[in-house]
Amino acid sequence: MGDISYEEALAATNNVQRLSDNYWHALDASCRAMDDSAWVGPEGRAFRDEVQRERRELQSQLAQAVHLAREKLKSVKHD
């Protein structure tokens, strides 16, 4: 893979940030529904816990992607 220009790295970083912003709250409605007792009983609680874990994992991965993109941007020569 060849070197990329600062402008390409900036565009990629902006794209990663935009995608992160778009998907950051993707599971919020599901979590709210579960908090409002959409499903009850042990299965409902287990599903709620899983949805909350998945939301945390999604947000962690999105934050990591943004961090890596910003780090790459810092490493690219700005002409």
PDB file of N, CA and C in Angstrom:
ATOM      1  N   MET A   1       0.846  -1.174   0.000  1.00  0.00           N
ATOM      2  CA  MET A   1       0.000   0.000   0.000  1.00  0.00           C
ATOM      3  C   MET A   1       0.885   1.229   0.000  1.00  0.00           C
ATOM      4  N   GLY A   2       0.618   2.158  -0.888  1.00  0.00           N
ATOM      5  CA  GLY A   2       1.438   3.344  -1.010  1.00  0.00           C
ATOM      6  C   GLY A   2       1.091   4.396   0.026  1.00  0.00           C
ATOM      7  N   ASP A   3       1.940   5.424   0.029  1.00  0.00           N
ATOM      8  CA  ASP A   3       1.686   6.540   0.925  1.00  0.00           C
ATOM      9  C   ASP A   3       0.441   7.284   0.479  1.00  0.00           C
ATOM     10  N   ILE A   4      -0.244   7.838   1.452  1.00  0.00           N
ATOM     11  CA  ILE A   4      -1.415   8.639   1.120  1.00  0.00           C
ATOM     12  C   ILE A   4      -1.119  10.092   1.448  1.00  0.00           C
ATOM     13  N   SER A   5      -1.802  10.970   0.767  1.00  0.00           N
ATOM     14  CA  SER A   5      -1.605  12.394   1.008  1.00  0.00           C
ATOM     15  C   SER A   5      -2.346  12.807   2.274  1.00  0.00           C
ATOM     16  N   TYR A   6      -1.969  13.973   2.773  1.00  0.00           N
ATOM     17  CA  TYR A   6      -2.647  14.498   3.958  1.00  0.00           C
ATOM     18  C   TYR A   6      -4.134  14.691   3.674  1.00  0.00           C
ATOM     19  N   GLU A   7      -4.457  15.170   2.486  1.00  0.00           N
ATOM     20  CA  GLU A   7      -5.851  15.403   2.124  1.00  0.00           C
ATOM     21  C   GLU A   7      -6.651  14.105   2.105  1.00  0.00           C
ATOM     22  N   GLU A   8      -6.035  13.024   1.593  1.00  0.00           N
ATOM     23  CA  GLU A   8      -6.700  11.717   1.596  1.00  0.00           C
ATOM     24  C   GLU A   8      -6.890  11.205   3.022  1.00  0.00           C
ATOM     25  N   ALA A   9      -5.858  11.380   3.845  1.00  0.00           N
ATOM     26  CA  ALA A   9      -5.957  10.945   5.242  1.00  0.00           C
ATOM     27  C   ALA A   9      -7.009  11.756   5.990  1.00  0.00           C
ATOM     28  N   LEU A  10      -7.072  13.051   5.714  1.00  0.00           N
ATOM     29  CA  LEU A  10      -8.076  13.905   6.349  1.00  0.00           C
ATOM     30  C   LEU A  10      -9.479  13.490   5.914  1.00  0.00           C
ATOM     31  N   ALA A  11      -9.648  13.236   4.629  1.00  0.00           N
ATOM     32  CA  ALA A  11     -10.964  12.804   4.126  1.00  0.00           C
ATOM     33  C   ALA A  11     -11.365  11.470   4.753  1.00  0.00           C
ATOM     34  N   ALA A  12     -10.421  10.552   4.861  1.00  0.00           N
ATOM     35  CA  ALA A  12     -10.717   9.251   5.468  1.00  0.00           C
ATOM     36  C   ALA A  12     -11.065   9.413   6.949  1.00  0.00           C
ATOM     37  N   THR A  13     -10.327  10.246   7.649  1.00  0.00           N
ATOM     38  CA  THR A  13     -10.600  10.497   9.068  1.00  0.00           C
ATOM     39  C   THR A  13     -11.984  11.114   9.243  1.00  0.00           C
ATOM     40  N   ASN A  14     -12.309  12.069   8.410  1.00  0.00           N
ATOM     41  CA  ASN A  14     -13.634  12.694   8.474  1.00  0.00           C
ATOM     42  C   ASN A  14     -14.732  11.675   8.183  1.00  0.00           C
ATOM     43  N   ASN A  15     -14.484  10.773   7.252  1.00  0.00           N
ATOM     44  CA  ASN A  15     -15.453   9.739   6.917  1.00  0.00           C
ATOM     45  C   ASN A  15     -15.650   8.777   8.090  1.00  0.00           C
ATOM     46  N   VAL A  16     -14.559   8.371   8.719  1.00  0.00           N
ATOM     47  CA  VAL A  16     -14.655   7.482   9.884  1.00  0.00           C
ATOM     48  C   VAL A  16     -15.432   8.176  11.000  1.00  0.00           C
ATOM     49  N   GLN A  17     -15.157   9.454  11.230  1.00  0.00           N
ATOM     50  CA  GLN A  17     -15.871  10.195  12.268  1.00  0.00           C
ATOM     51  C   GLN A  17     -17.361  10.291  11.944  1.00  0.00           C
ATOM     52  N   ARG A  18     -17.683  10.559  10.685  1.00  0.00           N
ATOM     53  CA  ARG A  18     -19.088  10.666  10.274  1.00  0.00           C
ATOM     54  C   ARG A  18     -19.813   9.325  10.469  1.00  0.00           C
ATOM     55  N   LEU A  19     -19.163   8.242  10.068  1.00  0.00           N
ATOM     56  CA  LEU A  19     -19.770   6.923  10.261  1.00  0.00           C
ATOM     57  C   LEU A  19     -19.956   6.615  11.749  1.00  0.00           C
ATOM     58  N   SER A  20     -18.970   6.972  12.550  1.00  0.00           N
ATOM     59  CA  SER A  20     -19.094   6.777  13.992  1.00  0.00           C
ATOM     60  C   SER A  20     -20.274   7.572  14.536  1.00  0.00           C
ATOM     61  N   ASP A  21     -20.375   8.819  14.136  1.00  0.00           N
ATOM     62  CA  ASP A  21     -21.495   9.654  14.585  1.00  0.00           C
ATOM     63  C   ASP A  21     -22.834   9.058  14.171  1.00  0.00           C
ATOM     64  N   ASN A  22     -22.888   8.518  12.953  1.00  0.00           N
ATOM     65  CA  ASN A  22     -24.139   7.949  12.440  1.00  0.00           C
ATOM     66  C   ASN A  22     -24.568   6.695  13.195  1.00  0.00           C
ATOM     67  N   TYR A  23     -23.610   5.903  13.642  1.00  0.00           N
ATOM     68  CA  TYR A  23     -23.931   4.607  14.239  1.00  0.00           C
ATOM     69  C   TYR A  23     -23.780   4.556  15.757  1.00  0.00           C
ATOM     70  N   TRP A  24     -23.280   5.629  16.369  1.00  0.00           N
ATOM     71  CA  TRP A  24     -23.025   5.646  17.804  1.00  0.00           C
ATOM     72  C   TRP A  24     -24.281   5.274  18.610  1.00  0.00           C
ATOM     73  N   HIS A  25     -25.422   5.760  18.182  1.00  0.00           N
ATOM     74  CA  HIS A  25     -26.668   5.551  18.925  1.00  0.00           C
ATOM     75  C   HIS A  25     -27.562   4.474  18.300  1.00  0.00           C
ATOM     76  N   ALA A  26     -26.975   3.630  17.461  1.00  0.00           N
ATOM     77  CA  ALA A  26     -27.765   2.639  16.722  1.00  0.00           C
ATOM     78  C   ALA A  26     -28.564   1.705  17.630  1.00  0.00           C
ATOM     79  N   LEU A  27     -28.075   1.406  18.792  1.00  0.00           N
ATOM     80  CA  LEU A  27     -28.773   0.469  19.685  1.00  0.00           C
ATOM     81  C   LEU A  27     -29.493   1.162  20.840  1.00  0.00           C
ATOM     82  N   ASP A  28     -29.498   2.486  20.837  1.00  0.00           N
ATOM     83  CA  ASP A  28     -30.137   3.211  21.937  1.00  0.00           C
ATOM     84  C   ASP A  28     -31.631   2.924  22.035  1.00  0.00           C
ATOM     85  N   ALA A  29     -32.327   2.920  20.919  1.00  0.00           N
ATOM     86  CA  ALA A  29     -33.773   2.674  20.958  1.00  0.00           C
ATOM     87  C   ALA A  29     -34.078   1.282  21.510  1.00  0.00           C
ATOM     88  N   SER A  30     -33.278   0.311  21.131  1.00  0.00           N
ATOM     89  CA  SER A  30     -33.467  -1.044  21.655  1.00  0.00           C
ATOM     90  C   SER A  30     -33.222  -1.079  23.157  1.00  0.00           C
ATOM     91  N   CYS A  31     -32.196  -0.384  23.610  1.00  0.00           N
ATOM     92  CA  CYS A  31     -31.907  -0.340  25.049  1.00  0.00           C
ATOM     93  C   CYS A  31     -33.030   0.361  25.798  1.00  0.00           C
ATOM     94  N   ARG A  32     -33.539   1.449  25.231  1.00  0.00           N
ATOM     95  CA  ARG A  32     -34.661   2.145  25.878  1.00  0.00           C
ATOM     96  C   ARG A  32     -35.883   1.248  25.958  1.00  0.00           C
ATOM     97  N   ALA A  33     -36.165   0.521  24.896  1.00  0.00           N
ATOM     98  CA  ALA A  33     -37.313  -0.385  24.898  1.00  0.00           C
ATOM     99  C   ALA A  33     -37.145  -1.450  25.979  1.00  0.00           C
ATOM    100  N   MET A  34     -35.948  -1.955  26.111  1.00  0.00           N
ATOM    101  CA  MET A  34     -35.699  -2.972  27.126  1.00  0.00           C
ATOM    102  C   MET A  34     -35.810  -2.363  28.526  1.00  0.00           C
ATOM    103  N   ASP A  35     -35.354  -1.124  28.692  1.00  0.00           N
ATOM    104  CA  ASP A  35     -35.484  -0.449  29.989  1.00  0.00           C
ATOM    105  C   ASP A  35     -36.948  -0.217  30.344  1.00  0.00           C
ATOM    106  N   ASP A  36     -37.801  -0.099  29.323  1.00  0.00           N
ATOM    107  CA  ASP A  36     -39.236   0.105  29.535  1.00  0.00           C
ATOM    108  C   ASP A  36     -39.979  -1.224  29.645  1.00  0.00           C
ATOM    109  N   SER A  37     -39.247  -2.289  29.904  1.00  0.00           N
ATOM    110  CA  SER A  37     -39.818  -3.621  30.103  1.00  0.00           C
ATOM    111  C   SER A  37     -40.539  -4.160  28.868  1.00  0.00           C
ATOM    112  N   ALA A  38     -39.929  -3.950  27.716  1.00  0.00           N
ATOM    113  CA  ALA A  38     -40.502  -4.495  26.481  1.00  0.00           C
ATOM    114  C   ALA A  38     -40.609  -6.018  26.586  1.00  0.00           C
ATOM    115  N   TRP A  39     -39.625  -6.634  27.191  1.00  0.00           N
ATOM    116  CA  TRP A  39     -39.656  -8.062  27.476  1.00  0.00           C
ATOM    117  C   TRP A  39     -39.422  -8.214  28.971  1.00  0.00           C
ATOM    118  N   VAL A  40     -40.094  -9.131  29.586  1.00  0.00           N
ATOM    119  CA  VAL A  40     -39.943  -9.329  31.026  1.00  0.00           C
ATOM    120  C   VAL A  40     -39.500 -10.754  31.305  1.00  0.00           C
ATOM    121  N   GLY A  41     -39.171 -11.007  32.562  1.00  0.00           N
ATOM    122  CA  GLY A  41     -38.739 -12.341  32.949  1.00  0.00           C
ATOM    123  C   GLY A  41     -37.258 -12.527  32.720  1.00  0.00           C
ATOM    124  N   PRO A  42     -36.767 -13.703  33.043  1.00  0.00           N
ATOM    125  CA  PRO A  42     -35.332 -13.979  32.925  1.00  0.00           C
ATOM    126  C   PRO A  42     -34.812 -13.824  31.502  1.00  0.00           C
ATOM    127  N   GLU A  43     -35.587 -14.264  30.521  1.00  0.00           N
ATOM    128  CA  GLU A  43     -35.143 -14.128  29.126  1.00  0.00           C
ATOM    129  C   GLU A  43     -35.071 -12.663  28.724  1.00  0.00           C
ATOM    130  N   GLY A  44     -36.038 -11.890  29.176  1.00  0.00           N
ATOM    131  CA  GLY A  44     -36.041 -10.459  28.879  1.00  0.00           C
ATOM    132  C   GLY A  44     -34.851  -9.757  29.498  1.00  0.00           C
ATOM    133  N   ARG A  45     -34.539 -10.095  30.739  1.00  0.00           N
ATOM    134  CA  ARG A  45     -33.377  -9.489  31.401  1.00  0.00           C
ATOM    135  C   ARG A  45     -32.076  -9.906  30.704  1.00  0.00           C
ATOM    136  N   ALA A  46     -31.988 -11.155  30.328  1.00  0.00           N
ATOM    137  CA  ALA A  46     -30.788 -11.632  29.638  1.00  0.00           C
ATOM    138  C   ALA A  46     -30.624 -10.930  28.289  1.00  0.00           C
ATOM    139  N   PHE A  47     -31.734 -10.770  27.575  1.00  0.00           N
ATOM    140  CA  PHE A  47     -31.669 -10.085  26.290  1.00  0.00           C
ATOM    141  C   PHE A  47     -31.299  -8.613  26.482  1.00  0.00           C
ATOM    142  N   ARG A  48     -31.884  -7.973  27.493  1.00  0.00           N
ATOM    143  CA  ARG A  48     -31.543  -6.575  27.787  1.00  0.00           C
ATOM    144  C   ARG A  48     -30.054  -6.441  28.066  1.00  0.00           C
ATOM    145  N   ASP A  49     -29.520  -7.332  28.889  1.00  0.00           N
ATOM    146  CA  ASP A  49     -28.095  -7.284  29.219  1.00  0.00           C
ATOM    147  C   ASP A  49     -27.233  -7.464  27.970  1.00  0.00           C
ATOM    148  N   GLU A  50     -27.654  -8.369  27.088  1.00  0.00           N
ATOM    149  CA  GLU A  50     -26.904  -8.603  25.848  1.00  0.00           C
ATOM    150  C   GLU A  50     -26.939  -7.369  24.944  1.00  0.00           C
ATOM    151  N   VAL A  51     -28.089  -6.753  24.810  1.00  0.00           N
ATOM    152  CA  VAL A  51     -28.199  -5.546  23.973  1.00  0.00           C
ATOM    153  C   VAL A  51     -27.317  -4.438  24.550  1.00  0.00           C
ATOM    154  N   GLN A  52     -27.306  -4.290  25.849  1.00  0.00           N
ATOM    155  CA  GLN A  52     -26.464  -3.265  26.461  1.00  0.00           C
ATOM    156  C   GLN A  52     -24.984  -3.568  26.267  1.00  0.00           C
ATOM    157  N   ARG A  53     -24.603  -4.832  26.371  1.00  0.00           N
ATOM    158  CA  ARG A  53     -23.207  -5.223  26.103  1.00  0.00           C
ATOM    159  C   ARG A  53     -22.833  -4.930  24.650  1.00  0.00           C
ATOM    160  N   GLU A  54     -23.738  -5.270  23.759  1.00  0.00           N
ATOM    161  CA  GLU A  54     -23.469  -5.027  22.333  1.00  0.00           C
ATOM    162  C   GLU A  54     -23.348  -3.534  22.036  1.00  0.00           C
ATOM    163  N   ARG A  55     -24.168  -2.710  22.699  1.00  0.00           N
ATOM    164  CA  ARG A  55     -24.065  -1.259  22.496  1.00  0.00           C
ATOM    165  C   ARG A  55     -22.710  -0.765  22.984  1.00  0.00           C
ATOM    166  N   ARG A  56     -22.293  -1.218  24.157  1.00  0.00           N
ATOM    167  CA  ARG A  56     -20.976  -0.806  24.670  1.00  0.00           C
ATOM    168  C   ARG A  56     -19.857  -1.244  23.725  1.00  0.00           C
ATOM    169  N   GLU A  57     -19.939  -2.459  23.209  1.00  0.00           N
ATOM    170  CA  GLU A  57     -18.925  -2.958  22.282  1.00  0.00           C
ATOM    171  C   GLU A  57     -18.912  -2.151  20.985  1.00  0.00           C
ATOM    172  N   LEU A  58     -20.080  -1.872  20.447  1.00  0.00           N
ATOM    173  CA  LEU A  58     -20.168  -1.055  19.225  1.00  0.00           C
ATOM    174  C   LEU A  58     -19.527   0.305  19.458  1.00  0.00           C
ATOM    175  N   GLN A  59     -19.867   0.952  20.560  1.00  0.00           N
ATOM    176  CA  GLN A  59     -19.318   2.277  20.835  1.00  0.00           C
ATOM    177  C   GLN A  59     -17.811   2.221  21.074  1.00  0.00           C
ATOM    178  N   SER A  60     -17.345   1.165  21.703  1.00  0.00           N
ATOM    179  CA  SER A  60     -15.912   1.002  21.899  1.00  0.00           C
ATOM    180  C   SER A  60     -15.181   0.844  20.566  1.00  0.00           C
ATOM    181  N   GLN A  61     -15.730   0.032  19.688  1.00  0.00           N
ATOM    182  CA  GLN A  61     -15.110  -0.180  18.370  1.00  0.00           C
ATOM    183  C   GLN A  61     -15.140   1.099  17.533  1.00  0.00           C
ATOM    184  N   LEU A  62     -16.234   1.837  17.603  1.00  0.00           N
ATOM    185  CA  LEU A  62     -16.314   3.102  16.866  1.00  0.00           C
ATOM    186  C   LEU A  62     -15.291   4.100  17.400  1.00  0.00           C
ATOM    187  N   ALA A  63     -15.169   4.197  18.713  1.00  0.00           N
ATOM    188  CA  ALA A  63     -14.186   5.107  19.310  1.00  0.00           C
ATOM    189  C   ALA A  63     -12.771   4.703  18.901  1.00  0.00           C
ATOM    190  N   GLN A  64     -12.496   3.412  18.873  1.00  0.00           N
ATOM    191  CA  GLN A  64     -11.172   2.926  18.458  1.00  0.00           C
ATOM    192  C   GLN A  64     -10.903   3.272  16.996  1.00  0.00           C
ATOM    193  N   ALA A  65     -11.889   3.117  16.148  1.00  0.00           N
ATOM    194  CA  ALA A  65     -11.707   3.446  14.730  1.00  0.00           C
ATOM    195  C   ALA A  65     -11.390   4.926  14.550  1.00  0.00           C
ATOM    196  N   VAL A  66     -12.094   5.778  15.262  1.00  0.00           N
ATOM    197  CA  VAL A  66     -11.835   7.220  15.185  1.00  0.00           C
ATOM    198  C   VAL A  66     -10.430   7.519  15.699  1.00  0.00           C
ATOM    199  N   HIS A  67     -10.062   6.915  16.812  1.00  0.00           N
ATOM    200  CA  HIS A  67      -8.725   7.125  17.379  1.00  0.00           C
ATOM    201  C   HIS A  67      -7.636   6.712  16.385  1.00  0.00           C
ATOM    202  N   LEU A  68      -7.786   5.529  15.789  1.00  0.00           N
ATOM    203  CA  LEU A  68      -6.781   5.055  14.829  1.00  0.00           C
ATOM    204  C   LEU A  68      -6.696   5.963  13.609  1.00  0.00           C
ATOM    205  N   ALA A  69      -7.831   6.427  13.134  1.00  0.00           N
ATOM    206  CA  ALA A  69      -7.827   7.331  11.978  1.00  0.00           C
ATOM    207  C   ALA A  69      -7.124   8.642  12.321  1.00  0.00           C
ATOM    208  N   ARG A  70      -7.379   9.168  13.503  1.00  0.00           N
ATOM    209  CA  ARG A  70      -6.722  10.418  13.915  1.00  0.00           C
ATOM    210  C   ARG A  70      -5.218  10.221  14.093  1.00  0.00           C
ATOM    211  N   GLU A  71      -4.831   9.077  14.638  1.00  0.00           N
ATOM    212  CA  GLU A  71      -3.402   8.783  14.786  1.00  0.00           C
ATOM    213  C   GLU A  71      -2.725   8.695  13.421  1.00  0.00           C
ATOM    214  N   LYS A  72      -3.379   8.047  12.468  1.00  0.00           N
ATOM    215  CA  LYS A  72      -2.824   7.958  11.115  1.00  0.00           C
ATOM    216  C   LYS A  72      -2.696   9.349  10.509  1.00  0.00           C
ATOM    217  N   LEU A  73      -3.728  10.159  10.698  1.00  0.00           N
ATOM    218  CA  LEU A  73      -3.690  11.528  10.173  1.00  0.00           C
ATOM    219  C   LEU A  73      -2.503  12.297  10.733  1.00  0.00           C
ATOM    220  N   LYS A  74      -2.214  12.134  12.019  1.00  0.00           N
ATOM    221  CA  LYS A  74      -1.079  12.823  12.635  1.00  0.00           C
ATOM    222  C   LYS A  74       0.250  12.380  12.033  1.00  0.00           C
ATOM    223  N   SER A  75       0.298  11.139  11.560  1.00  0.00           N
ATOM    224  CA  SER A  75       1.557  10.595  11.041  1.00  0.00           C
ATOM    225  C   SER A  75       1.826  10.954   9.585  1.00  0.00           C
ATOM    226  N   VAL A  76       0.826  11.504   8.913  1.00  0.00           N
ATOM    227  CA  VAL A  76       0.957  11.830   7.492  1.00  0.00           C
ATOM    228  C   VAL A  76       1.531  13.235   7.349  1.00  0.00           C
ATOM    229  N   LYS A  77       2.492  13.369   6.461  1.00  0.00           N
ATOM    230  CA  LYS A  77       3.105  14.682   6.225  1.00  0.00           C
ATOM    231  C   LYS A  77       2.072  15.641   5.666  1.00  0.00           C
ATOM    232  N   HIS A  78       2.044  16.832   6.239  1.00  0.00           N
ATOM    233  CA  HIS A  78       1.138  17.886   5.787  1.00  0.00           C
ATOM    234  C   HIS A  78       1.950  18.886   4.985  1.00  0.00           C
ATOM    235  N   ASP A  79       1.723  18.880   3.675  1.00  0.00           N
ATOM    236  CA  ASP A  79       2.481  19.770   2.781  1.00  0.00           C
ATOM    237  C   ASP A  79       1.869  21.135   2.701  1.00  0.00           C
TER     238      ASP A  79
END
